[in-house]
Amino acid sequence: MFSFDQPTKYLMPRVSITIPGKNSQPYRFKLDREKVTIGRSSDNDIVIDCPSVSALHCTMERVPGGYVLRDRQSTNGVRLKEDYMSIVDLRNDAKVRVGDVQFGYTLNDDELDELDEEEFVPHQETTEEREERKAKSAGPEGKPAKKKPKANVVTTRPAAAAPVTPQVLASSSQGTGFLYGLGLLVAGFLALYAGLSSSYSGQQTKAGREGEFSLFGDIKDGRPLLPQEDSKNSASE
Protein backbone atom coordinates (compact mmCIF):
# COMPACT_ATOMS: atom_id res chain seq x y z
CA MET A 1 0.00 0.00 0.00
CA PHE A 2 2.90 2.31 0.77
CA SER A 3 6.29 2.37 -0.87
CA PHE A 4 9.68 3.62 0.14
CA ASP A 5 10.97 6.86 -1.33
CA GLN A 6 10.91 6.28 -5.12
CA PRO A 7 10.50 8.61 -8.12
CA THR A 8 6.86 9.07 -9.18
CA LYS A 9 4.89 11.37 -11.43
CA TYR A 10 2.12 11.79 -8.82
CA LEU A 11 1.98 14.40 -6.11
CA MET A 12 2.95 12.33 -3.10
CA PRO A 13 3.51 13.87 0.36
CA ARG A 14 6.17 12.21 2.46
CA VAL A 15 5.91 10.85 5.98
CA SER A 16 9.00 9.86 7.96
CA ILE A 17 8.85 7.59 10.99
CA THR A 18 11.88 7.61 13.28
CA ILE A 19 11.92 5.06 16.10
CA PRO A 20 14.49 5.79 18.84
CA GLY A 21 17.76 3.91 18.11
CA LYS A 22 16.72 3.09 14.52
CA ASN A 23 17.04 4.73 11.12
CA SER A 24 14.26 6.94 9.82
CA GLN A 25 11.75 5.12 7.67
CA PRO A 26 10.17 7.24 4.86
CA TYR A 27 6.76 6.64 3.30
CA ARG A 28 5.03 8.21 0.32
CA PHE A 29 1.34 8.21 -0.64
CA LYS A 30 -0.91 9.87 -3.15
CA LEU A 31 -2.33 13.25 -2.27
CA ASP A 32 -5.91 12.04 -2.87
CA ARG A 33 -5.64 9.41 -0.13
CA GLU A 34 -8.64 9.89 2.27
CA LYS A 35 -7.22 8.25 5.42
CA VAL A 36 -4.01 6.62 6.62
CA THR A 37 -4.01 4.49 9.79
CA ILE A 38 -0.91 4.45 11.98
CA GLY A 39 -0.13 2.07 14.86
CA ARG A 40 1.64 -1.02 16.13
CA SER A 41 -0.93 -3.50 14.76
CA SER A 42 0.02 -5.18 11.45
CA ASP A 43 -3.29 -4.21 9.80
CA ASN A 44 -2.40 -0.49 9.83
CA ASP A 45 -1.27 1.37 6.72
CA ILE A 46 1.88 2.49 8.54
CA VAL A 47 3.09 -0.07 11.06
CA ILE A 48 5.32 1.20 13.88
CA ASP A 49 7.06 -1.52 15.83
CA CYS A 50 7.51 0.31 19.14
CA PRO A 51 6.09 -0.45 22.62
CA SER A 52 5.08 3.20 23.20
CA VAL A 53 2.75 3.08 20.17
CA SER A 54 -0.80 1.77 20.57
CA ALA A 55 -2.35 -0.83 18.26
CA LEU A 56 -4.24 1.99 16.47
CA HIS A 57 -2.48 5.10 17.63
CA CYS A 58 -3.61 7.82 15.20
CA THR A 59 -4.90 8.51 11.70
CA MET A 60 -3.95 10.93 8.98
CA GLU A 61 -7.11 12.35 7.41
CA ARG A 62 -7.44 14.35 4.19
CA VAL A 63 -9.13 17.74 4.58
CA PRO A 64 -9.36 20.72 2.21
CA GLY A 65 -5.89 22.23 2.08
CA GLY A 66 -3.96 19.22 3.38
CA TYR A 67 -4.04 16.66 6.19
CA VAL A 68 -4.65 16.47 9.93
CA LEU A 69 -3.28 13.92 12.39
CA ARG A 70 -5.97 12.69 14.81
CA ASP A 71 -5.21 10.83 18.08
CA ARG A 72 -7.31 7.66 18.49
CA GLN A 73 -7.44 7.54 22.30
CA SER A 74 -3.90 6.15 22.40
CA THR A 75 -2.11 5.31 25.64
CA ASN A 76 0.87 7.63 25.18
CA GLY A 77 -0.82 10.24 23.03
CA VAL A 78 0.27 12.55 20.23
CA ARG A 79 2.49 15.53 21.14
CA LEU A 80 3.25 18.75 19.34
CA LYS A 81 6.28 20.15 21.17
CA GLU A 82 5.15 19.77 24.81
CA ASP A 83 1.37 19.72 24.27
CA TYR A 84 -0.68 16.56 24.04
CA MET A 85 -2.91 16.96 21.03
CA SER A 86 -6.28 15.57 20.00
CA ILE A 87 -5.86 16.91 16.43
CA VAL A 88 -2.76 18.35 14.75
CA ASP A 89 -2.93 20.45 11.56
CA LEU A 90 -0.11 18.97 9.44
CA ARG A 91 1.78 21.79 7.79
CA ASN A 92 4.94 21.43 5.73
CA ASP A 93 7.95 20.18 7.76
CA ALA A 94 5.73 19.38 10.76
CA LYS A 95 7.40 17.38 13.54
CA VAL A 96 5.10 15.43 15.87
CA ARG A 97 5.64 12.77 18.54
CA VAL A 98 3.59 9.57 18.26
CA GLY A 99 4.33 7.94 21.61
CA ASP A 100 8.17 8.00 21.64
CA VAL A 101 8.40 7.93 17.85
CA GLN A 102 9.10 11.04 15.77
CA PHE A 103 6.60 11.63 12.96
CA GLY A 104 7.64 13.96 10.13
CA TYR A 105 5.52 15.41 7.30
CA THR A 106 6.97 17.21 4.28
CA LEU A 107 5.75 18.52 0.93
CA ASN A 108 7.55 19.68 -2.20
CA ASP A 109 6.78 22.90 -4.08
CA ASP A 110 4.31 21.29 -6.51
CA GLU A 111 2.40 19.73 -3.65
CA LEU A 112 2.33 23.02 -1.77
CA ASP A 113 0.98 24.80 -4.86
CA GLU A 114 -1.70 22.13 -5.29
CA LEU A 115 -2.85 22.42 -1.67
CA ASP A 116 -2.73 26.23 -1.68
CA GLU A 117 -5.59 26.17 -4.20
CA GLU A 118 -7.80 24.62 -1.51
CA GLU A 119 -9.19 26.58 1.42
CA PHE A 120 -7.82 25.21 4.66
CA VAL A 121 -9.85 25.48 7.87
CA PRO A 122 -7.89 24.90 11.13
CA HIS A 123 -8.88 21.81 13.11
CA GLN A 124 -6.11 21.78 15.70
CA GLU A 125 -7.16 20.97 19.26
CA THR A 126 -5.29 19.90 22.40
CA THR A 127 -6.37 16.89 24.44
CA GLU A 128 -7.30 19.22 27.30
CA GLU A 129 -9.48 21.33 24.97
CA ARG A 130 -11.17 18.18 23.70
CA GLU A 131 -12.00 17.03 27.24
CA GLU A 132 -13.36 20.48 28.14
CA ARG A 133 -15.53 20.47 25.03
CA LYS A 134 -16.88 17.00 25.85
CA ALA A 135 -17.58 18.04 29.45
CA LYS A 136 -19.57 21.05 28.31
CA SER A 137 -21.69 18.93 25.99
CA ALA A 138 -22.17 16.13 28.56
CA GLY A 139 -25.28 15.62 30.69
CA PRO A 140 -25.38 15.46 34.53
CA GLU A 141 -24.15 11.84 34.56
CA GLY A 142 -21.33 12.41 32.09
CA LYS A 143 -23.35 11.24 29.11
CA PRO A 144 -23.83 13.43 26.04
CA ALA A 145 -26.64 15.85 26.70
CA LYS A 146 -29.71 15.21 24.63
CA LYS A 147 -31.44 18.05 22.95
CA LYS A 148 -34.87 18.66 24.30
CA PRO A 149 -37.50 17.97 21.67
CA LYS A 150 -39.56 20.88 20.62
CA ALA A 151 -42.99 20.96 22.07
CA ASN A 152 -45.65 20.05 19.60
CA VAL A 153 -47.61 23.11 18.77
CA VAL A 154 -51.26 22.28 18.33
CA THR A 155 -53.29 24.92 16.59
CA THR A 156 -56.92 24.97 17.64
CA ARG A 157 -59.73 27.17 16.49
CA PRO A 158 -61.39 29.35 19.11
CA ALA A 159 -64.52 27.79 20.52
CA ALA A 160 -67.70 29.08 18.94
CA ALA A 161 -70.07 31.02 21.16
CA ALA A 162 -72.63 28.72 22.72
CA PRO A 163 -76.07 29.18 21.11
CA VAL A 164 -79.01 30.17 23.24
CA THR A 165 -80.59 26.97 24.41
CA PRO A 166 -84.01 26.06 22.94
CA GLN A 167 -85.43 25.76 26.45
CA VAL A 168 -84.86 29.45 27.11
CA LEU A 169 -86.43 30.43 23.82
CA ALA A 170 -89.44 28.15 24.41
CA SER A 171 -89.95 29.50 27.91
CA SER A 172 -89.90 33.09 26.68
CA SER A 173 -92.27 32.31 23.84
CA GLN A 174 -94.65 30.41 26.08
CA GLY A 175 -94.75 33.29 28.60
CA THR A 176 -95.53 35.82 25.87
CA GLY A 177 -98.21 33.58 24.37
CA PHE A 178 -99.83 33.06 27.76
CA LEU A 179 -100.04 36.81 28.41
CA TYR A 180 -101.38 37.40 24.92
CA GLY A 181 -104.07 34.71 25.39
CA LEU A 182 -104.97 36.05 28.81
CA GLY A 183 -105.33 39.53 27.32
CA LEU A 184 -107.64 38.20 24.61
CA LEU A 185 -109.69 36.39 27.24
CA VAL A 186 -110.03 39.51 29.37
CA ALA A 187 -110.90 41.61 26.33
CA GLY A 188 -113.55 39.09 25.30
CA PHE A 189 -114.96 39.02 28.78
CA LEU A 190 -115.13 42.80 28.87
CA ALA A 191 -116.79 42.90 25.47
CA LEU A 192 -119.35 40.32 26.59
CA TYR A 193 -120.00 42.21 29.80
CA ALA A 194 -120.37 45.45 27.87
CA GLY A 195 -122.92 43.77 25.57
CA LEU A 196 -124.88 42.26 28.44
CA SER A 197 -124.73 45.52 30.39
CA SER A 198 -126.03 47.48 27.39
CA SER A 199 -128.84 44.99 26.86
CA TYR A 200 -129.69 45.01 30.58
CA SER A 201 -129.76 48.81 30.68
CA GLY A 202 -132.08 48.90 27.67
CA GLN A 203 -134.47 46.44 29.25
CA GLN A 204 -134.50 48.35 32.54
CA THR A 205 -135.15 51.65 30.78
CA LYS A 206 -138.08 50.15 28.84
CA ALA A 207 -139.45 48.82 32.12
CA GLY A 208 -139.61 52.41 33.40
CA ARG A 209 -136.58 52.44 35.63
CA GLU A 210 -134.93 55.76 36.12
CA GLY A 211 -131.70 56.98 37.64
CA GLU A 212 -128.25 55.47 37.48
CA PHE A 213 -127.98 51.73 37.51
CA SER A 214 -125.80 49.02 36.07
CA LEU A 215 -125.80 45.29 35.60
CA PHE A 216 -122.77 44.87 37.83
CA GLY A 217 -124.25 47.07 40.57
CA ASP A 218 -127.58 45.23 40.52
CA ILE A 219 -125.85 41.86 40.65
CA LYS A 220 -123.70 43.13 43.50
CA ASP A 221 -126.72 44.46 45.45
CA GLY A 222 -128.90 41.47 44.61
CA ARG A 223 -131.54 43.75 43.08
CA PRO A 224 -134.06 41.82 41.00
CA LEU A 225 -135.47 42.88 37.69
CA LEU A 226 -138.68 44.97 37.70
CA PRO A 227 -141.81 42.77 37.43
CA GLN A 228 -143.33 42.65 33.96
CA GLU A 229 -146.71 43.73 35.23
CA ASP A 230 -145.17 46.66 37.04
CA SER A 231 -143.59 47.66 33.82
CA LYS A 232 -146.97 47.49 32.01
CA ASN A 233 -148.69 49.52 34.76
CA SER A 234 -146.04 52.11 34.61
CA ALA A 235 -146.44 52.29 30.89
CA SER A 236 -150.28 52.63 31.06
CA GLU A 237 -150.17 55.38 33.59
C-alpha atoms as a PDB file:
ATOM      1  CA  MET A   1       0.000   0.000   0.000  1.00  0.00           C
ATOM      2  CA  PHE A   2       2.901   2.309   0.771  1.00  0.00           C
ATOM      3  CA  SER A   3       6.290   2.370  -0.871  1.00  0.00           C
ATOM      4  CA  PHE A   4       9.685   3.617   0.136  1.00  0.00           C
ATOM      5  CA  ASP A   5      10.972   6.859  -1.329  1.00  0.00           C
ATOM      6  CA  GLN A   6      10.906   6.281  -5.124  1.00  0.00           C
ATOM      7  CA  PRO A   7      10.496   8.609  -8.125  1.00  0.00           C
ATOM      8  CA  THR A   8       6.861   9.069  -9.180  1.00  0.00           C
ATOM      9  CA  LYS A   9       4.894  11.366 -11.434  1.00  0.00           C
ATOM     10  CA  TYR A  10       2.119  11.788  -8.825  1.00  0.00           C
ATOM     11  CA  LEU A  11       1.977  14.395  -6.108  1.00  0.00           C
ATOM     12  CA  MET A  12       2.954  12.333  -3.104  1.00  0.00           C
ATOM     13  CA  PRO A  13       3.508  13.865   0.363  1.00  0.00           C
ATOM     14  CA  ARG A  14       6.175  12.206   2.457  1.00  0.00           C
ATOM     15  CA  VAL A  15       5.913  10.848   5.980  1.00  0.00           C
ATOM     16  CA  SER A  16       9.004   9.864   7.959  1.00  0.00           C
ATOM     17  CA  ILE A  17       8.852   7.592  10.986  1.00  0.00           C
ATOM     18  CA  THR A  18      11.883   7.607  13.284  1.00  0.00           C
ATOM     19  CA  ILE A  19      11.925   5.059  16.095  1.00  0.00           C
ATOM     20  CA  PRO A  20      14.487   5.790  18.842  1.00  0.00           C
ATOM     21  CA  GLY A  21      17.758   3.909  18.108  1.00  0.00           C
ATOM     22  CA  LYS A  22      16.722   3.094  14.520  1.00  0.00           C
ATOM     23  CA  ASN A  23      17.038   4.728  11.116  1.00  0.00           C
ATOM     24  CA  SER A  24      14.260   6.943   9.823  1.00  0.00           C
ATOM     25  CA  GLN A  25      11.750   5.118   7.673  1.00  0.00           C
ATOM     26  CA  PRO A  26      10.172   7.236   4.860  1.00  0.00           C
ATOM     27  CA  TYR A  27       6.761   6.644   3.304  1.00  0.00           C
ATOM     28  CA  ARG A  28       5.033   8.213   0.324  1.00  0.00           C
ATOM     29  CA  PHE A  29       1.344   8.207  -0.638  1.00  0.00           C
ATOM     30  CA  LYS A  30      -0.908   9.869  -3.152  1.00  0.00           C
ATOM     31  CA  LEU A  31      -2.329  13.251  -2.266  1.00  0.00           C
ATOM     32  CA  ASP A  32      -5.910  12.040  -2.869  1.00  0.00           C
ATOM     33  CA  ARG A  33      -5.644   9.407  -0.130  1.00  0.00           C
ATOM     34  CA  GLU A  34      -8.635   9.886   2.270  1.00  0.00           C
ATOM     35  CA  LYS A  35      -7.215   8.250   5.419  1.00  0.00           C
ATOM     36  CA  VAL A  36      -4.009   6.621   6.619  1.00  0.00           C
ATOM     37  CA  THR A  37      -4.015   4.489   9.793  1.00  0.00           C
ATOM     38  CA  ILE A  38      -0.909   4.453  11.976  1.00  0.00           C
ATOM     39  CA  GLY A  39      -0.127   2.074  14.863  1.00  0.00           C
ATOM     40  CA  ARG A  40       1.642  -1.023  16.131  1.00  0.00           C
ATOM     41  CA  SER A  41      -0.925  -3.505  14.757  1.00  0.00           C
ATOM     42  CA  SER A  42       0.023  -5.183  11.452  1.00  0.00           C
ATOM     43  CA  ASP A  43      -3.285  -4.210   9.803  1.00  0.00           C
ATOM     44  CA  ASN A  44      -2.399  -0.485   9.834  1.00  0.00           C
ATOM     45  CA  ASP A  45      -1.273   1.373   6.724  1.00  0.00           C
ATOM     46  CA  ILE A  46       1.882   2.486   8.544  1.00  0.00           C
ATOM     47  CA  VAL A  47       3.092  -0.073  11.065  1.00  0.00           C
ATOM     48  CA  ILE A  48       5.325   1.205  13.875  1.00  0.00           C
ATOM     49  CA  ASP A  49       7.065  -1.523  15.833  1.00  0.00           C
ATOM     50  CA  CYS A  50       7.514   0.314  19.136  1.00  0.00           C
ATOM     51  CA  PRO A  51       6.086  -0.453  22.623  1.00  0.00           C
ATOM     52  CA  SER A  52       5.083   3.195  23.196  1.00  0.00           C
ATOM     53  CA  VAL A  53       2.750   3.081  20.168  1.00  0.00           C
ATOM     54  CA  SER A  54      -0.803   1.765  20.569  1.00  0.00           C
ATOM     55  CA  ALA A  55      -2.349  -0.829  18.259  1.00  0.00           C
ATOM     56  CA  LEU A  56      -4.241   1.988  16.474  1.00  0.00           C
ATOM     57  CA  HIS A  57      -2.479   5.103  17.634  1.00  0.00           C
ATOM     58  CA  CYS A  58      -3.614   7.819  15.203  1.00  0.00           C
ATOM     59  CA  THR A  59      -4.898   8.509  11.703  1.00  0.00           C
ATOM     60  CA  MET A  60      -3.950  10.934   8.984  1.00  0.00           C
ATOM     61  CA  GLU A  61      -7.113  12.347   7.407  1.00  0.00           C
ATOM     62  CA  ARG A  62      -7.442  14.350   4.192  1.00  0.00           C
ATOM     63  CA  VAL A  63      -9.132  17.735   4.582  1.00  0.00           C
ATOM     64  CA  PRO A  64      -9.357  20.721   2.213  1.00  0.00           C
ATOM     65  CA  GLY A  65      -5.887  22.230   2.085  1.00  0.00           C
ATOM     66  CA  GLY A  66      -3.959  19.219   3.380  1.00  0.00           C
ATOM     67  CA  TYR A  67      -4.037  16.664   6.193  1.00  0.00           C
ATOM     68  CA  VAL A  68      -4.654  16.473   9.926  1.00  0.00           C
ATOM     69  CA  LEU A  69      -3.280  13.924  12.388  1.00  0.00           C
ATOM     70  CA  ARG A  70      -5.965  12.686  14.815  1.00  0.00           C
ATOM     71  CA  ASP A  71      -5.208  10.831  18.075  1.00  0.00           C
ATOM     72  CA  ARG A  72      -7.310   7.662  18.490  1.00  0.00           C
ATOM     73  CA  GLN A  73      -7.436   7.542  22.301  1.00  0.00           C
ATOM     74  CA  SER A  74      -3.904   6.147  22.398  1.00  0.00           C
ATOM     75  CA  THR A  75      -2.113   5.306  25.639  1.00  0.00           C
ATOM     76  CA  ASN A  76       0.871   7.633  25.184  1.00  0.00           C
ATOM     77  CA  GLY A  77      -0.820  10.243  23.028  1.00  0.00           C
ATOM     78  CA  VAL A  78       0.273  12.555  20.229  1.00  0.00           C
ATOM     79  CA  ARG A  79       2.489  15.533  21.143  1.00  0.00           C
ATOM     80  CA  LEU A  80       3.255  18.754  19.344  1.00  0.00           C
ATOM     81  CA  LYS A  81       6.279  20.153  21.168  1.00  0.00           C
ATOM     82  CA  GLU A  82       5.153  19.768  24.811  1.00  0.00           C
ATOM     83  CA  ASP A  83       1.373  19.722  24.271  1.00  0.00           C
ATOM     84  CA  TYR A  84      -0.679  16.559  24.045  1.00  0.00           C
ATOM     85  CA  MET A  85      -2.910  16.956  21.025  1.00  0.00           C
ATOM     86  CA  SER A  86      -6.279  15.572  19.996  1.00  0.00           C
ATOM     87  CA  ILE A  87      -5.864  16.910  16.432  1.00  0.00           C
ATOM     88  CA  VAL A  88      -2.758  18.354  14.751  1.00  0.00           C
ATOM     89  CA  ASP A  89      -2.929  20.451  11.564  1.00  0.00           C
ATOM     90  CA  LEU A  90      -0.114  18.967   9.435  1.00  0.00           C
ATOM     91  CA  ARG A  91       1.781  21.785   7.788  1.00  0.00           C
ATOM     92  CA  ASN A  92       4.944  21.425   5.731  1.00  0.00           C
ATOM     93  CA  ASP A  93       7.947  20.183   7.757  1.00  0.00           C
ATOM     94  CA  ALA A  94       5.725  19.376  10.762  1.00  0.00           C
ATOM     95  CA  LYS A  95       7.398  17.378  13.543  1.00  0.00           C
ATOM     96  CA  VAL A  96       5.096  15.428  15.866  1.00  0.00           C
ATOM     97  CA  ARG A  97       5.644  12.768  18.542  1.00  0.00           C
ATOM     98  CA  VAL A  98       3.586   9.569  18.260  1.00  0.00           C
ATOM     99  CA  GLY A  99       4.333   7.936  21.614  1.00  0.00           C
ATOM    100  CA  ASP A 100       8.166   7.998  21.641  1.00  0.00           C
ATOM    101  CA  VAL A 101       8.397   7.934  17.850  1.00  0.00           C
ATOM    102  CA  GLN A 102       9.097  11.038  15.767  1.00  0.00           C
ATOM    103  CA  PHE A 103       6.604  11.630  12.958  1.00  0.00           C
ATOM    104  CA  GLY A 104       7.640  13.962  10.132  1.00  0.00           C
ATOM    105  CA  TYR A 105       5.522  15.405   7.303  1.00  0.00           C
ATOM    106  CA  THR A 106       6.968  17.208   4.284  1.00  0.00           C
ATOM    107  CA  LEU A 107       5.746  18.524   0.933  1.00  0.00           C
ATOM    108  CA  ASN A 108       7.546  19.677  -2.203  1.00  0.00           C
ATOM    109  CA  ASP A 109       6.783  22.899  -4.075  1.00  0.00           C
ATOM    110  CA  ASP A 110       4.313  21.295  -6.505  1.00  0.00           C
ATOM    111  CA  GLU A 111       2.402  19.731  -3.651  1.00  0.00           C
ATOM    112  CA  LEU A 112       2.325  23.017  -1.770  1.00  0.00           C
ATOM    113  CA  ASP A 113       0.979  24.796  -4.863  1.00  0.00           C
ATOM    114  CA  GLU A 114      -1.697  22.127  -5.285  1.00  0.00           C
ATOM    115  CA  LEU A 115      -2.853  22.425  -1.670  1.00  0.00           C
ATOM    116  CA  ASP A 116      -2.734  26.226  -1.679  1.00  0.00           C
ATOM    117  CA  GLU A 117      -5.588  26.171  -4.195  1.00  0.00           C
ATOM    118  CA  GLU A 118      -7.795  24.617  -1.512  1.00  0.00           C
ATOM    119  CA  GLU A 119      -9.194  26.582   1.417  1.00  0.00           C
ATOM    120  CA  PHE A 120      -7.819  25.211   4.662  1.00  0.00           C
ATOM    121  CA  VAL A 121      -9.855  25.485   7.872  1.00  0.00           C
ATOM    122  CA  PRO A 122      -7.893  24.902  11.133  1.00  0.00           C
ATOM    123  CA  HIS A 123      -8.884  21.808  13.112  1.00  0.00           C
ATOM    124  CA  GLN A 124      -6.110  21.777  15.695  1.00  0.00           C
ATOM    125  CA  GLU A 125      -7.160  20.973  19.256  1.00  0.00           C
ATOM    126  CA  THR A 126      -5.291  19.899  22.402  1.00  0.00           C
ATOM    127  CA  THR A 127      -6.368  16.889  24.439  1.00  0.00           C
ATOM    128  CA  GLU A 128      -7.305  19.223  27.296  1.00  0.00           C
ATOM    129  CA  GLU A 129      -9.482  21.326  24.974  1.00  0.00           C
ATOM    130  CA  ARG A 130     -11.172  18.179  23.699  1.00  0.00           C
ATOM    131  CA  GLU A 131     -11.995  17.028  27.243  1.00  0.00           C
ATOM    132  CA  GLU A 132     -13.357  20.477  28.141  1.00  0.00           C
ATOM    133  CA  ARG A 133     -15.533  20.466  25.026  1.00  0.00           C
ATOM    134  CA  LYS A 134     -16.877  16.998  25.852  1.00  0.00           C
ATOM    135  CA  ALA A 135     -17.576  18.035  29.455  1.00  0.00           C
ATOM    136  CA  LYS A 136     -19.572  21.052  28.314  1.00  0.00           C
ATOM    137  CA  SER A 137     -21.694  18.926  25.994  1.00  0.00           C
ATOM    138  CA  ALA A 138     -22.169  16.130  28.562  1.00  0.00           C
ATOM    139  CA  GLY A 139     -25.278  15.618  30.687  1.00  0.00           C
ATOM    140  CA  PRO A 140     -25.384  15.459  34.534  1.00  0.00           C
ATOM    141  CA  GLU A 141     -24.146  11.836  34.559  1.00  0.00           C
ATOM    142  CA  GLY A 142     -21.327  12.415  32.090  1.00  0.00           C
ATOM    143  CA  LYS A 143     -23.354  11.244  29.113  1.00  0.00           C
ATOM    144  CA  PRO A 144     -23.827  13.427  26.041  1.00  0.00           C
ATOM    145  CA  ALA A 145     -26.637  15.846  26.698  1.00  0.00           C
ATOM    146  CA  LYS A 146     -29.705  15.210  24.634  1.00  0.00           C
ATOM    147  CA  LYS A 147     -31.437  18.053  22.953  1.00  0.00           C
ATOM    148  CA  LYS A 148     -34.871  18.662  24.302  1.00  0.00           C
ATOM    149  CA  PRO A 149     -37.502  17.970  21.668  1.00  0.00           C
ATOM    150  CA  LYS A 150     -39.564  20.875  20.622  1.00  0.00           C
ATOM    151  CA  ALA A 151     -42.988  20.965  22.074  1.00  0.00           C
ATOM    152  CA  ASN A 152     -45.646  20.049  19.600  1.00  0.00           C
ATOM    153  CA  VAL A 153     -47.615  23.113  18.771  1.00  0.00           C
ATOM    154  CA  VAL A 154     -51.263  22.284  18.334  1.00  0.00           C
ATOM    155  CA  THR A 155     -53.293  24.920  16.587  1.00  0.00           C
ATOM    156  CA  THR A 156     -56.923  24.967  17.639  1.00  0.00           C
ATOM    157  CA  ARG A 157     -59.731  27.170  16.488  1.00  0.00           C
ATOM    158  CA  PRO A 158     -61.392  29.347  19.113  1.00  0.00           C
ATOM    159  CA  ALA A 159     -64.522  27.793  20.523  1.00  0.00           C
ATOM    160  CA  ALA A 160     -67.698  29.079  18.943  1.00  0.00           C
ATOM    161  CA  ALA A 161     -70.073  31.023  21.162  1.00  0.00           C
ATOM    162  CA  ALA A 162     -72.629  28.719  22.719  1.00  0.00           C
ATOM    163  CA  PRO A 163     -76.069  29.181  21.106  1.00  0.00           C
ATOM    164  CA  VAL A 164     -79.010  30.174  23.241  1.00  0.00           C
ATOM    165  CA  THR A 165     -80.594  26.974  24.412  1.00  0.00           C
ATOM    166  CA  PRO A 166     -84.013  26.062  22.940  1.00  0.00           C
ATOM    167  CA  GLN A 167     -85.433  25.764  26.452  1.00  0.00           C
ATOM    168  CA  VAL A 168     -84.860  29.451  27.106  1.00  0.00           C
ATOM    169  CA  LEU A 169     -86.429  30.430  23.816  1.00  0.00           C
ATOM    170  CA  ALA A 170     -89.441  28.148  24.412  1.00  0.00           C
ATOM    171  CA  SER A 171     -89.948  29.496  27.905  1.00  0.00           C
ATOM    172  CA  SER A 172     -89.901  33.088  26.684  1.00  0.00           C
ATOM    173  CA  SER A 173     -92.269  32.308  23.837  1.00  0.00           C
ATOM    174  CA  GLN A 174     -94.649  30.412  26.080  1.00  0.00           C
ATOM    175  CA  GLY A 175     -94.745  33.292  28.596  1.00  0.00           C
ATOM    176  CA  THR A 176     -95.526  35.824  25.872  1.00  0.00           C
ATOM    177  CA  GLY A 177     -98.209  33.576  24.370  1.00  0.00           C
ATOM    178  CA  PHE A 178     -99.825  33.062  27.755  1.00  0.00           C
ATOM    179  CA  LEU A 179    -100.041  36.815  28.411  1.00  0.00           C
ATOM    180  CA  TYR A 180    -101.377  37.401  24.923  1.00  0.00           C
ATOM    181  CA  GLY A 181    -104.069  34.709  25.392  1.00  0.00           C
ATOM    182  CA  LEU A 182    -104.972  36.053  28.806  1.00  0.00           C
ATOM    183  CA  GLY A 183    -105.327  39.531  27.317  1.00  0.00           C
ATOM    184  CA  LEU A 184    -107.642  38.200  24.614  1.00  0.00           C
ATOM    185  CA  LEU A 185    -109.692  36.386  27.239  1.00  0.00           C
ATOM    186  CA  VAL A 186    -110.030  39.514  29.369  1.00  0.00           C
ATOM    187  CA  ALA A 187    -110.901  41.613  26.327  1.00  0.00           C
ATOM    188  CA  GLY A 188    -113.549  39.086  25.299  1.00  0.00           C
ATOM    189  CA  PHE A 189    -114.959  39.016  28.781  1.00  0.00           C
ATOM    190  CA  LEU A 190    -115.129  42.801  28.870  1.00  0.00           C
ATOM    191  CA  ALA A 191    -116.794  42.900  25.468  1.00  0.00           C
ATOM    192  CA  LEU A 192    -119.345  40.316  26.587  1.00  0.00           C
ATOM    193  CA  TYR A 193    -119.996  42.205  29.803  1.00  0.00           C
ATOM    194  CA  ALA A 194    -120.372  45.453  27.867  1.00  0.00           C
ATOM    195  CA  GLY A 195    -122.915  43.772  25.567  1.00  0.00           C
ATOM    196  CA  LEU A 196    -124.883  42.259  28.443  1.00  0.00           C
ATOM    197  CA  SER A 197    -124.730  45.523  30.388  1.00  0.00           C
ATOM    198  CA  SER A 198    -126.029  47.479  27.392  1.00  0.00           C
ATOM    199  CA  SER A 199    -128.845  44.995  26.857  1.00  0.00           C
ATOM    200  CA  TYR A 200    -129.686  45.008  30.583  1.00  0.00           C
ATOM    201  CA  SER A 201    -129.764  48.814  30.678  1.00  0.00           C
ATOM    202  CA  GLY A 202    -132.077  48.898  27.670  1.00  0.00           C
ATOM    203  CA  GLN A 203    -134.473  46.443  29.254  1.00  0.00           C
ATOM    204  CA  GLN A 204    -134.501  48.351  32.536  1.00  0.00           C
ATOM    205  CA  THR A 205    -135.146  51.646  30.777  1.00  0.00           C
ATOM    206  CA  LYS A 206    -138.078  50.146  28.844  1.00  0.00           C
ATOM    207  CA  ALA A 207    -139.451  48.825  32.115  1.00  0.00           C
ATOM    208  CA  GLY A 208    -139.609  52.408  33.404  1.00  0.00           C
ATOM    209  CA  ARG A 209    -136.583  52.440  35.628  1.00  0.00           C
ATOM    210  CA  GLU A 210    -134.929  55.760  36.120  1.00  0.00           C
ATOM    211  CA  GLY A 211    -131.697  56.981  37.636  1.00  0.00           C
ATOM    212  CA  GLU A 212    -128.254  55.465  37.483  1.00  0.00           C
ATOM    213  CA  PHE A 213    -127.983  51.727  37.507  1.00  0.00           C
ATOM    214  CA  SER A 214    -125.804  49.022  36.071  1.00  0.00           C
ATOM    215  CA  LEU A 215    -125.797  45.295  35.598  1.00  0.00           C
ATOM    216  CA  PHE A 216    -122.768  44.867  37.834  1.00  0.00           C
ATOM    217  CA  GLY A 217    -124.254  47.072  40.572  1.00  0.00           C
ATOM    218  CA  ASP A 218    -127.583  45.234  40.518  1.00  0.00           C
ATOM    219  CA  ILE A 219    -125.851  41.858  40.653  1.00  0.00           C
ATOM    220  CA  LYS A 220    -123.700  43.132  43.498  1.00  0.00           C
ATOM    221  CA  ASP A 221    -126.716  44.462  45.452  1.00  0.00           C
ATOM    222  CA  GLY A 222    -128.898  41.473  44.607  1.00  0.00           C
ATOM    223  CA  ARG A 223    -131.542  43.754  43.081  1.00  0.00           C
ATOM    224  CA  PRO A 224    -134.057  41.817  41.002  1.00  0.00           C
ATOM    225  CA  LEU A 225    -135.473  42.884  37.692  1.00  0.00           C
ATOM    226  CA  LEU A 226    -138.685  44.968  37.698  1.00  0.00           C
ATOM    227  CA  PRO A 227    -141.813  42.770  37.434  1.00  0.00           C
ATOM    228  CA  GLN A 228    -143.329  42.653  33.963  1.00  0.00           C
ATOM    229  CA  GLU A 229    -146.708  43.728  35.229  1.00  0.00           C
ATOM    230  CA  ASP A 230    -145.172  46.662  37.043  1.00  0.00           C
ATOM    231  CA  SER A 231    -143.592  47.655  33.818  1.00  0.00           C
ATOM    232  CA  LYS A 232    -146.975  47.495  32.005  1.00  0.00           C
ATOM    233  CA  ASN A 233    -148.693  49.519  34.758  1.00  0.00           C
ATOM    234  CA  SER A 234    -146.037  52.110  34.611  1.00  0.00           C
ATOM    235  CA  ALA A 235    -146.438  52.294  30.891  1.00  0.00           C
ATOM    236  CA  SER A 236    -150.279  52.628  31.056  1.00  0.00           C
ATOM    237  CA  GLU A 237    -150.165  55.380  33.594  1.00  0.00           C
END
